[in-house]
Amino acid sequence: MALRYKTRRRLSLLVLLLGLPAYIAVAWWIMSLFERPPVWLEFGIYIILGILWALPLKAVFKGVGQADPDAQHPD
């Protein structure tokens, strides 16, 4: 089932405002459970975690910045 444009737009806003800060907090908390690795490794882990959160949500963010394809265009 494909999401409508307005649904994707609202869901992407919800993810960015609530989900992303929560993900950052959880990733930060998990990293604090272990002894601090070398700076280069820690940086790499945060880069990987920064990319990983977006992969499952690709369908939600796809095309959100474009014009609404379902809108009626006056001709």
Protein backbone atom coordinates (compact mmCIF):
# COMPACT_ATOMS: atom_id res chain seq x y z
CA MET A 1 0.00 0.00 0.00
CA ALA A 2 1.43 3.33 -1.05
CA LEU A 3 1.17 6.27 1.29
CA ARG A 4 -0.60 9.40 0.09
CA TYR A 5 1.45 12.58 -0.24
CA LYS A 6 -0.12 14.32 2.77
CA THR A 7 0.34 11.21 4.91
CA ARG A 8 4.01 10.92 3.94
CA ARG A 9 4.52 14.60 4.62
CA ARG A 10 2.95 14.45 8.09
CA LEU A 11 4.72 11.23 8.95
CA SER A 12 8.09 12.63 7.86
CA LEU A 13 7.53 15.70 10.05
CA LEU A 14 6.64 13.47 12.99
CA VAL A 15 9.74 11.36 12.45
CA LEU A 16 12.01 14.39 12.20
CA LEU A 17 10.57 16.18 15.24
CA LEU A 18 10.08 13.22 17.60
CA GLY A 19 11.72 10.10 16.19
CA LEU A 20 15.11 11.49 15.25
CA PRO A 21 15.83 13.14 18.62
CA ALA A 22 14.72 9.94 20.36
CA TYR A 23 17.02 7.89 18.10
CA ILE A 24 19.92 10.22 18.84
CA ALA A 25 19.30 9.94 22.58
CA VAL A 26 19.15 6.12 22.42
CA ALA A 27 22.31 5.91 20.28
CA TRP A 28 24.11 8.26 22.66
CA TRP A 29 22.93 6.26 25.69
CA ILE A 30 24.05 2.95 24.15
CA MET A 31 27.46 4.42 23.32
CA SER A 32 27.80 5.61 26.93
CA LEU A 33 27.38 2.05 28.24
CA PHE A 34 30.76 1.07 26.82
CA GLU A 35 34.22 2.41 27.48
CA ARG A 36 35.00 5.24 25.09
CA PRO A 37 36.64 3.94 21.89
CA PRO A 38 39.29 5.87 19.96
CA VAL A 39 37.97 9.10 18.45
CA TRP A 40 38.21 7.85 14.86
CA LEU A 41 36.19 4.71 15.71
CA GLU A 42 33.62 6.68 17.67
CA PHE A 43 33.25 9.07 14.73
CA GLY A 44 32.76 6.12 12.36
CA ILE A 45 30.12 4.57 14.61
CA TYR A 46 28.17 7.83 14.72
CA ILE A 47 28.41 8.17 10.93
CA ILE A 48 27.04 4.65 10.47
CA LEU A 49 24.26 5.25 13.01
CA GLY A 50 23.46 8.53 11.27
CA ILE A 51 22.88 6.74 7.99
CA LEU A 52 21.16 3.70 9.45
CA TRP A 53 18.14 5.55 10.84
CA ALA A 54 17.10 6.81 7.41
CA LEU A 55 17.24 3.53 5.48
CA PRO A 56 13.97 2.03 6.77
CA LEU A 57 12.24 5.40 6.38
CA LYS A 58 13.27 6.01 2.77
CA ALA A 59 9.71 5.47 1.49
CA VAL A 60 8.36 8.07 3.90
CA PHE A 61 10.81 10.79 2.86
CA LYS A 62 10.78 10.06 -0.87
CA GLY A 63 9.25 12.95 -2.82
CA VAL A 64 8.17 14.97 0.22
CA GLY A 65 10.02 18.06 -0.97
CA GLN A 66 8.26 18.00 -4.34
CA ALA A 67 4.90 19.52 -5.24
CA ASP A 68 1.80 17.52 -4.34
CA PRO A 69 1.19 15.15 -7.28
CA ASP A 70 -2.48 14.74 -6.28
CA ALA A 71 -3.26 18.48 -6.25
CA GLN A 72 -5.54 19.89 -8.92
CA HIS A 73 -3.62 22.21 -11.24
CA PRO A 74 -5.67 25.05 -12.76
CA ASP A 75 -5.32 24.97 -16.54
